[in-house]
Amino acid sequence: MVDRKSLRLSATLLFVGVLLSFLAGIFHPERENANNHTAAFAEYASSGNWTAIHLGQFAGMMVIIAGLLVLYFALNVHSGMAGWVARFAAISAVVALALYGVLQAVDGVALKHADAWVNAPDAEKAVRFAGAESIRWLEWGVRSYQSFMLGLSFVLFATVIVWTARIPRPIGYLMGLSGLAYIVLGWVIGSEGFSATGRIPNLLGIILVLGWSIWLLIIAWRMKEAVEAPAG
């Protein structure tokens, strides 16, 4: 049986989290090529809202992960192999949030301060720029593994949805595809940084997450009674 109230809460949290992340991302400086560190770091240094933007992104991710954890309880799958898959999905979501917290501390705080190289004396600029690049490479690593874990969580939740059919399976298919997109993105970032290669999986992941989160929101709020899973 699907817990209708929990499903509504989950769907609402997921949609609000996606919306918060999107709104915060709109204000992120992106005029320069992110892999052109000289230009990108100078752009970041001139941003007066850098820390607030990343705090907003972290808030959005917290709400998304909260929605996934509530979804775990809403699906009410606690026995058998499907129950174990659901547990691992929830654990993966928590790990993804922890990594995202580290990511935003590195990107939203450490990198912003390291970008003081822009105004440093000429004799110190090379050393300070090298320090900023080291933080950037750390950001790549954390972002890569965070994308892996978020993608894995989506894939595992999608597996439970498709397996049990407690909510429409097409939502699970879309969620699974979004998870695969984030896993691919994690590989690209780990290999190439924020290169043009990552734009397609990143955009695809965003569109798919937006699609299944809206669909889930509609399904959850139109559901009048708890739905019993089909036999078999």
C-alpha atoms as a PDB file:
ATOM      1  CA  MET A   1       0.000   0.000   0.000  1.00  0.00           C
ATOM      2  CA  VAL A   2       1.226   3.489  -0.869  1.00  0.00           C
ATOM      3  CA  ASP A   3       1.089   6.007   1.978  1.00  0.00           C
ATOM      4  CA  ARG A   4      -0.896   8.763   0.272  1.00  0.00           C
ATOM      5  CA  LYS A   5      -0.043  11.558   2.732  1.00  0.00           C
ATOM      6  CA  SER A   6       3.656  10.727   2.656  1.00  0.00           C
ATOM      7  CA  LEU A   7       3.595  10.556  -1.142  1.00  0.00           C
ATOM      8  CA  ARG A   8       2.065  14.030  -1.322  1.00  0.00           C
ATOM      9  CA  LEU A   9       4.684  15.389   1.066  1.00  0.00           C
ATOM     10  CA  SER A  10       7.461  13.688  -0.903  1.00  0.00           C
ATOM     11  CA  ALA A  11       6.224  15.003  -4.251  1.00  0.00           C
ATOM     12  CA  THR A  12       5.860  18.531  -2.867  1.00  0.00           C
ATOM     13  CA  LEU A  13       9.347  18.500  -1.338  1.00  0.00           C
ATOM     14  CA  LEU A  14      10.910  17.158  -4.517  1.00  0.00           C
ATOM     15  CA  PHE A  15       9.254  19.790  -6.695  1.00  0.00           C
ATOM     16  CA  VAL A  16      10.073  22.650  -4.297  1.00  0.00           C
ATOM     17  CA  GLY A  17      13.676  21.441  -4.052  1.00  0.00           C
ATOM     18  CA  VAL A  18      14.066  21.322  -7.823  1.00  0.00           C
ATOM     19  CA  LEU A  19      12.525  24.803  -8.076  1.00  0.00           C
ATOM     20  CA  LEU A  20      14.838  26.222  -5.394  1.00  0.00           C
ATOM     21  CA  SER A  21      17.899  24.715  -7.072  1.00  0.00           C
ATOM     22  CA  PHE A  22      16.829  26.123 -10.430  1.00  0.00           C
ATOM     23  CA  LEU A  23      16.175  29.626  -9.063  1.00  0.00           C
ATOM     24  CA  ALA A  24      19.515  29.700  -7.239  1.00  0.00           C
ATOM     25  CA  GLY A  25      21.296  28.449 -10.357  1.00  0.00           C
ATOM     26  CA  ILE A  26      19.884  31.290 -12.455  1.00  0.00           C
ATOM     27  CA  PHE A  27      22.047  33.771 -10.536  1.00  0.00           C
ATOM     28  CA  HIS A  28      25.243  31.710 -10.798  1.00  0.00           C
ATOM     29  CA  PRO A  29      27.848  33.561 -12.910  1.00  0.00           C
ATOM     30  CA  GLU A  30      28.387  31.566 -16.116  1.00  0.00           C
ATOM     31  CA  ARG A  31      29.479  34.020 -18.776  1.00  0.00           C
ATOM     32  CA  GLU A  32      33.011  32.630 -18.902  1.00  0.00           C
ATOM     33  CA  ASN A  33      34.157  29.116 -19.816  1.00  0.00           C
ATOM     34  CA  ALA A  34      34.334  27.310 -16.456  1.00  0.00           C
ATOM     35  CA  ASN A  35      37.484  25.449 -17.523  1.00  0.00           C
ATOM     36  CA  ASN A  36      39.233  28.734 -18.397  1.00  0.00           C
ATOM     37  CA  HIS A  37      40.333  29.292 -14.824  1.00  0.00           C
ATOM     38  CA  THR A  38      41.860  32.724 -15.275  1.00  0.00           C
ATOM     39  CA  ALA A  39      38.639  34.177 -16.712  1.00  0.00           C
ATOM     40  CA  ALA A  40      36.258  32.100 -14.576  1.00  0.00           C
ATOM     41  CA  PHE A  41      37.996  32.881 -11.274  1.00  0.00           C
ATOM     42  CA  ALA A  42      38.030  36.587 -12.062  1.00  0.00           C
ATOM     43  CA  GLU A  43      34.289  36.392 -12.746  1.00  0.00           C
ATOM     44  CA  TYR A  44      33.660  34.559  -9.485  1.00  0.00           C
ATOM     45  CA  ALA A  45      35.743  37.074  -7.543  1.00  0.00           C
ATOM     46  CA  SER A  46      33.558  39.918  -8.821  1.00  0.00           C
ATOM     47  CA  SER A  47      30.326  38.189  -7.746  1.00  0.00           C
ATOM     48  CA  GLY A  48      28.821  39.812  -4.671  1.00  0.00           C
ATOM     49  CA  ASN A  49      26.247  37.049  -4.186  1.00  0.00           C
ATOM     50  CA  TRP A  50      28.503  34.005  -4.586  1.00  0.00           C
ATOM     51  CA  THR A  51      28.093  32.573  -1.077  1.00  0.00           C
ATOM     52  CA  ALA A  52      24.340  33.258  -0.986  1.00  0.00           C
ATOM     53  CA  ILE A  53      23.844  31.552  -4.360  1.00  0.00           C
ATOM     54  CA  HIS A  54      25.597  28.400  -3.187  1.00  0.00           C
ATOM     55  CA  LEU A  55      23.708  28.427   0.091  1.00  0.00           C
ATOM     56  CA  GLY A  56      20.502  28.556  -1.961  1.00  0.00           C
ATOM     57  CA  GLN A  57      21.666  25.606  -4.043  1.00  0.00           C
ATOM     58  CA  PHE A  58      22.462  23.655  -0.889  1.00  0.00           C
ATOM     59  CA  ALA A  59      19.007  24.440   0.505  1.00  0.00           C
ATOM     60  CA  GLY A  60      17.460  23.157  -2.723  1.00  0.00           C
ATOM     61  CA  MET A  61      19.434  19.909  -2.523  1.00  0.00           C
ATOM     62  CA  MET A  62      18.465  19.434   1.137  1.00  0.00           C
ATOM     63  CA  VAL A  63      14.790  19.693   0.202  1.00  0.00           C
ATOM     64  CA  ILE A  64      15.265  17.264  -2.715  1.00  0.00           C
ATOM     65  CA  ILE A  65      16.950  14.680  -0.477  1.00  0.00           C
ATOM     66  CA  ALA A  66      14.248  15.165   2.159  1.00  0.00           C
ATOM     67  CA  GLY A  67      11.712  14.417  -0.586  1.00  0.00           C
ATOM     68  CA  LEU A  68      13.555  11.211  -1.524  1.00  0.00           C
ATOM     69  CA  LEU A  69      13.682  10.057   2.087  1.00  0.00           C
ATOM     70  CA  VAL A  70       9.957  10.689   2.512  1.00  0.00           C
ATOM     71  CA  LEU A  71       9.437   8.790  -0.759  1.00  0.00           C
ATOM     72  CA  TYR A  72      11.162   5.804   0.851  1.00  0.00           C
ATOM     73  CA  PHE A  73       8.465   5.737   3.542  1.00  0.00           C
ATOM     74  CA  ALA A  74       5.673   6.556   1.088  1.00  0.00           C
ATOM     75  CA  LEU A  75       6.472   3.551  -1.112  1.00  0.00           C
ATOM     76  CA  ASN A  76       6.233   1.384   2.020  1.00  0.00           C
ATOM     77  CA  VAL A  77       8.512  -1.340   0.653  1.00  0.00           C
ATOM     78  CA  HIS A  78      10.354  -2.920   3.569  1.00  0.00           C
ATOM     79  CA  SER A  79      10.533  -6.633   2.820  1.00  0.00           C
ATOM     80  CA  GLY A  80      12.283  -8.825   0.285  1.00  0.00           C
ATOM     81  CA  MET A  81      14.857  -7.725  -2.257  1.00  0.00           C
ATOM     82  CA  ALA A  82      12.828  -4.641  -3.206  1.00  0.00           C
ATOM     83  CA  GLY A  83      13.000  -3.533   0.428  1.00  0.00           C
ATOM     84  CA  TRP A  84      16.794  -3.774   0.394  1.00  0.00           C
ATOM     85  CA  VAL A  85      16.982  -1.798  -2.849  1.00  0.00           C
ATOM     86  CA  ALA A  86      14.795   0.893  -1.244  1.00  0.00           C
ATOM     87  CA  ARG A  87      17.092   1.037   1.799  1.00  0.00           C
ATOM     88  CA  PHE A  88      20.191   1.413  -0.353  1.00  0.00           C
ATOM     89  CA  ALA A  89      18.391   4.137  -2.330  1.00  0.00           C
ATOM     90  CA  ALA A  90      17.752   6.088   0.884  1.00  0.00           C
ATOM     91  CA  ILE A  91      21.344   5.599   2.073  1.00  0.00           C
ATOM     92  CA  SER A  92      22.680   6.771  -1.301  1.00  0.00           C
ATOM     93  CA  ALA A  93      20.526   9.899  -1.022  1.00  0.00           C
ATOM     94  CA  VAL A  94      21.978  10.724   2.411  1.00  0.00           C
ATOM     95  CA  VAL A  95      25.538  10.215   1.117  1.00  0.00           C
ATOM     96  CA  ALA A  96      24.738  12.455  -1.876  1.00  0.00           C
ATOM     97  CA  LEU A  97      23.584  15.215   0.483  1.00  0.00           C
ATOM     98  CA  ALA A  98      26.729  14.901   2.619  1.00  0.00           C
ATOM     99  CA  LEU A  99      28.907  15.184  -0.488  1.00  0.00           C
ATOM    100  CA  TYR A 100      26.880  18.159  -1.681  1.00  0.00           C
ATOM    101  CA  GLY A 101      27.530  19.897   1.632  1.00  0.00           C
ATOM    102  CA  VAL A 102      31.270  19.371   1.134  1.00  0.00           C
ATOM    103  CA  LEU A 103      30.939  20.553  -2.470  1.00  0.00           C
ATOM    104  CA  GLN A 104      29.275  23.821  -1.497  1.00  0.00           C
ATOM    105  CA  ALA A 105      31.794  24.416   1.283  1.00  0.00           C
ATOM    106  CA  VAL A 106      34.589  24.003  -1.265  1.00  0.00           C
ATOM    107  CA  ASP A 107      32.919  25.934  -4.087  1.00  0.00           C
ATOM    108  CA  GLY A 108      30.785  28.447  -2.206  1.00  0.00           C
ATOM    109  CA  VAL A 109      33.299  29.375   0.496  1.00  0.00           C
ATOM    110  CA  ALA A 110      36.869  28.146  -0.129  1.00  0.00           C
ATOM    111  CA  LEU A 111      37.011  28.979  -3.837  1.00  0.00           C
ATOM    112  CA  LYS A 112      35.501  32.416  -3.267  1.00  0.00           C
ATOM    113  CA  HIS A 113      38.228  33.286  -0.743  1.00  0.00           C
ATOM    114  CA  ALA A 114      40.936  31.744  -2.915  1.00  0.00           C
ATOM    115  CA  ASP A 115      39.864  34.050  -5.724  1.00  0.00           C
ATOM    116  CA  ALA A 116      41.473  36.887  -3.752  1.00  0.00           C
ATOM    117  CA  TRP A 117      44.427  36.196  -6.068  1.00  0.00           C
ATOM    118  CA  VAL A 118      42.789  38.655  -8.461  1.00  0.00           C
ATOM    119  CA  ASN A 119      43.610  41.566  -6.137  1.00  0.00           C
ATOM    120  CA  ALA A 120      46.861  40.145  -4.738  1.00  0.00           C
ATOM    121  CA  PRO A 121      50.213  41.845  -5.408  1.00  0.00           C
ATOM    122  CA  ASP A 122      51.758  40.782  -8.714  1.00  0.00           C
ATOM    123  CA  ALA A 123      54.536  38.927  -6.925  1.00  0.00           C
ATOM    124  CA  GLU A 124      51.973  36.701  -5.153  1.00  0.00           C
ATOM    125  CA  LYS A 125      49.459  36.151  -7.942  1.00  0.00           C
ATOM    126  CA  ALA A 126      51.024  33.021  -9.423  1.00  0.00           C
ATOM    127  CA  VAL A 127      51.179  31.228  -6.069  1.00  0.00           C
ATOM    128  CA  ARG A 128      47.669  32.270  -5.084  1.00  0.00           C
ATOM    129  CA  PHE A 129      46.271  31.297  -8.483  1.00  0.00           C
ATOM    130  CA  ALA A 130      47.854  27.858  -8.126  1.00  0.00           C
ATOM    131  CA  GLY A 131      46.104  27.539  -4.760  1.00  0.00           C
ATOM    132  CA  ALA A 132      42.768  28.475  -6.315  1.00  0.00           C
ATOM    133  CA  GLU A 133      43.286  25.853  -9.038  1.00  0.00           C
ATOM    134  CA  SER A 134      43.944  23.195  -6.412  1.00  0.00           C
ATOM    135  CA  ILE A 135      40.616  24.049  -4.780  1.00  0.00           C
ATOM    136  CA  ARG A 136      38.967  23.877  -8.197  1.00  0.00           C
ATOM    137  CA  TRP A 137      40.329  20.386  -8.777  1.00  0.00           C
ATOM    138  CA  LEU A 138      39.046  19.359  -5.352  1.00  0.00           C
ATOM    139  CA  GLU A 139      35.674  20.742  -6.428  1.00  0.00           C
ATOM    140  CA  TRP A 140      35.787  18.543  -9.534  1.00  0.00           C
ATOM    141  CA  GLY A 141      36.409  15.466  -7.411  1.00  0.00           C
ATOM    142  CA  VAL A 142      33.633  16.134  -4.911  1.00  0.00           C
ATOM    143  CA  ARG A 143      31.165  17.138  -7.625  1.00  0.00           C
ATOM    144  CA  SER A 144      32.001  13.992  -9.578  1.00  0.00           C
ATOM    145  CA  TYR A 145      31.270  11.644  -6.683  1.00  0.00           C
ATOM    146  CA  GLN A 146      28.227  13.623  -5.600  1.00  0.00           C
ATOM    147  CA  SER A 147      26.792  13.204  -9.100  1.00  0.00           C
ATOM    148  CA  PHE A 148      27.538   9.480  -8.945  1.00  0.00           C
ATOM    149  CA  MET A 149      25.706   9.070  -5.635  1.00  0.00           C
ATOM    150  CA  LEU A 150      22.734  11.256  -6.567  1.00  0.00           C
ATOM    151  CA  GLY A 151      22.410   9.364  -9.853  1.00  0.00           C
ATOM    152  CA  LEU A 152      22.665   6.025  -8.043  1.00  0.00           C
ATOM    153  CA  SER A 153      19.924   7.075  -5.626  1.00  0.00           C
ATOM    154  CA  PHE A 154      17.624   8.006  -8.512  1.00  0.00           C
ATOM    155  CA  VAL A 155      18.340   4.689 -10.263  1.00  0.00           C
ATOM    156  CA  LEU A 156      17.651   2.671  -7.119  1.00  0.00           C
ATOM    157  CA  PHE A 157      14.416   4.512  -6.334  1.00  0.00           C
ATOM    158  CA  ALA A 158      13.396   4.064  -9.966  1.00  0.00           C
ATOM    159  CA  THR A 159      14.065   0.336  -9.679  1.00  0.00           C
ATOM    160  CA  VAL A 160      11.731   0.095  -6.672  1.00  0.00           C
ATOM    161  CA  ILE A 161       9.027   2.092  -8.449  1.00  0.00           C
ATOM    162  CA  VAL A 162       9.169  -0.044 -11.590  1.00  0.00           C
ATOM    163  CA  TRP A 163       9.456  -3.267  -9.555  1.00  0.00           C
ATOM    164  CA  THR A 164       6.452  -2.633  -7.292  1.00  0.00           C
ATOM    165  CA  ALA A 165       4.301  -0.411  -9.560  1.00  0.00           C
ATOM    166  CA  ARG A 166       2.969   1.367  -6.470  1.00  0.00           C
ATOM    167  CA  ILE A 167       3.072   4.558  -8.494  1.00  0.00           C
ATOM    168  CA  PRO A 168       3.018   4.668 -12.318  1.00  0.00           C
ATOM    169  CA  ARG A 169       6.023   2.884 -13.779  1.00  0.00           C
ATOM    170  CA  PRO A 170       6.766   5.617 -16.388  1.00  0.00           C
ATOM    171  CA  ILE A 171       7.731   7.916 -13.490  1.00  0.00           C
ATOM    172  CA  GLY A 172      10.256   5.289 -12.496  1.00  0.00           C
ATOM    173  CA  TYR A 173      11.589   5.068 -16.049  1.00  0.00           C
ATOM    174  CA  LEU A 174      12.121   8.843 -16.191  1.00  0.00           C
ATOM    175  CA  MET A 175      13.730   8.828 -12.755  1.00  0.00           C
ATOM    176  CA  GLY A 176      16.060   6.033 -13.823  1.00  0.00           C
ATOM    177  CA  LEU A 177      17.090   7.905 -16.954  1.00  0.00           C
ATOM    178  CA  SER A 178      17.784  11.044 -14.912  1.00  0.00           C
ATOM    179  CA  GLY A 179      19.951   8.956 -12.610  1.00  0.00           C
ATOM    180  CA  LEU A 180      21.948   7.586 -15.532  1.00  0.00           C
ATOM    181  CA  ALA A 181      22.417  11.137 -16.843  1.00  0.00           C
ATOM    182  CA  TYR A 182      23.911  12.220 -13.508  1.00  0.00           C
ATOM    183  CA  ILE A 183      26.170   9.178 -13.392  1.00  0.00           C
ATOM    184  CA  VAL A 184      27.487  10.067 -16.862  1.00  0.00           C
ATOM    185  CA  LEU A 185      27.907  13.678 -15.711  1.00  0.00           C
ATOM    186  CA  GLY A 186      29.936  12.480 -12.734  1.00  0.00           C
ATOM    187  CA  TRP A 187      32.274  10.616 -15.052  1.00  0.00           C
ATOM    188  CA  VAL A 188      32.698  13.614 -17.361  1.00  0.00           C
ATOM    189  CA  ILE A 189      33.445  16.018 -14.505  1.00  0.00           C
ATOM    190  CA  GLY A 190      35.946  13.601 -12.997  1.00  0.00           C
ATOM    191  CA  SER A 191      37.673  13.195 -16.364  1.00  0.00           C
ATOM    192  CA  GLU A 192      37.409  16.642 -17.959  1.00  0.00           C
ATOM    193  CA  GLY A 193      36.140  19.061 -15.338  1.00  0.00           C
ATOM    194  CA  PHE A 194      33.360  21.463 -16.310  1.00  0.00           C
ATOM    195  CA  SER A 195      33.839  20.905 -20.036  1.00  0.00           C
ATOM    196  CA  ALA A 196      31.340  21.236 -22.877  1.00  0.00           C
ATOM    197  CA  THR A 197      31.015  17.433 -22.904  1.00  0.00           C
ATOM    198  CA  GLY A 198      29.073  17.596 -19.652  1.00  0.00           C
ATOM    199  CA  ARG A 199      26.443  20.000 -20.942  1.00  0.00           C
ATOM    200  CA  ILE A 200      24.270  17.334 -22.564  1.00  0.00           C
ATOM    201  CA  PRO A 201      24.025  14.938 -19.575  1.00  0.00           C
ATOM    202  CA  ASN A 202      23.610  17.915 -17.226  1.00  0.00           C
ATOM    203  CA  LEU A 203      20.786  19.428 -19.276  1.00  0.00           C
ATOM    204  CA  LEU A 204      19.195  16.027 -19.811  1.00  0.00           C
ATOM    205  CA  GLY A 205      19.332  15.308 -16.080  1.00  0.00           C
ATOM    206  CA  ILE A 206      17.702  18.634 -15.217  1.00  0.00           C
ATOM    207  CA  ILE A 207      14.897  18.184 -17.782  1.00  0.00           C
ATOM    208  CA  LEU A 208      14.182  14.606 -16.706  1.00  0.00           C
ATOM    209  CA  VAL A 209      14.140  15.444 -12.987  1.00  0.00           C
ATOM    210  CA  LEU A 210      11.813  18.357 -13.653  1.00  0.00           C
ATOM    211  CA  GLY A 211       9.584  16.069 -15.745  1.00  0.00           C
ATOM    212  CA  TRP A 212       9.207  13.227 -13.255  1.00  0.00           C
ATOM    213  CA  SER A 213       8.928  15.551 -10.256  1.00  0.00           C
ATOM    214  CA  ILE A 214       6.007  17.439 -11.840  1.00  0.00           C
ATOM    215  CA  TRP A 215       4.359  14.157 -12.903  1.00  0.00           C
ATOM    216  CA  LEU A 216       4.759  12.730  -9.387  1.00  0.00           C
ATOM    217  CA  LEU A 217       3.314  15.921  -7.893  1.00  0.00           C
ATOM    218  CA  ILE A 218       0.235  15.663 -10.101  1.00  0.00           C
ATOM    219  CA  ILE A 219      -0.246  11.949  -9.399  1.00  0.00           C
ATOM    220  CA  ALA A 220       0.192  12.374  -5.646  1.00  0.00           C
ATOM    221  CA  TRP A 221      -2.305  15.212  -5.295  1.00  0.00           C
ATOM    222  CA  ARG A 222      -4.888  13.576  -7.562  1.00  0.00           C
ATOM    223  CA  MET A 223      -4.727  10.317  -5.616  1.00  0.00           C
ATOM    224  CA  LYS A 224      -7.901  10.053  -3.531  1.00  0.00           C
ATOM    225  CA  GLU A 225      -7.251   6.774  -1.782  1.00  0.00           C
ATOM    226  CA  ALA A 226      -4.263   4.633  -0.961  1.00  0.00           C
ATOM    227  CA  VAL A 227      -3.407   2.423  -3.873  1.00  0.00           C
ATOM    228  CA  GLU A 228      -2.797  -1.270  -3.367  1.00  0.00           C
ATOM    229  CA  ALA A 229       0.082  -2.765  -5.313  1.00  0.00           C
ATOM    230  CA  PRO A 230      -1.013  -5.285  -7.946  1.00  0.00           C
ATOM    231  CA  ALA A 231      -0.566  -8.940  -7.107  1.00  0.00           C
ATOM    232  CA  GLY A 232       2.684 -10.474  -8.333  1.00  0.00           C
END
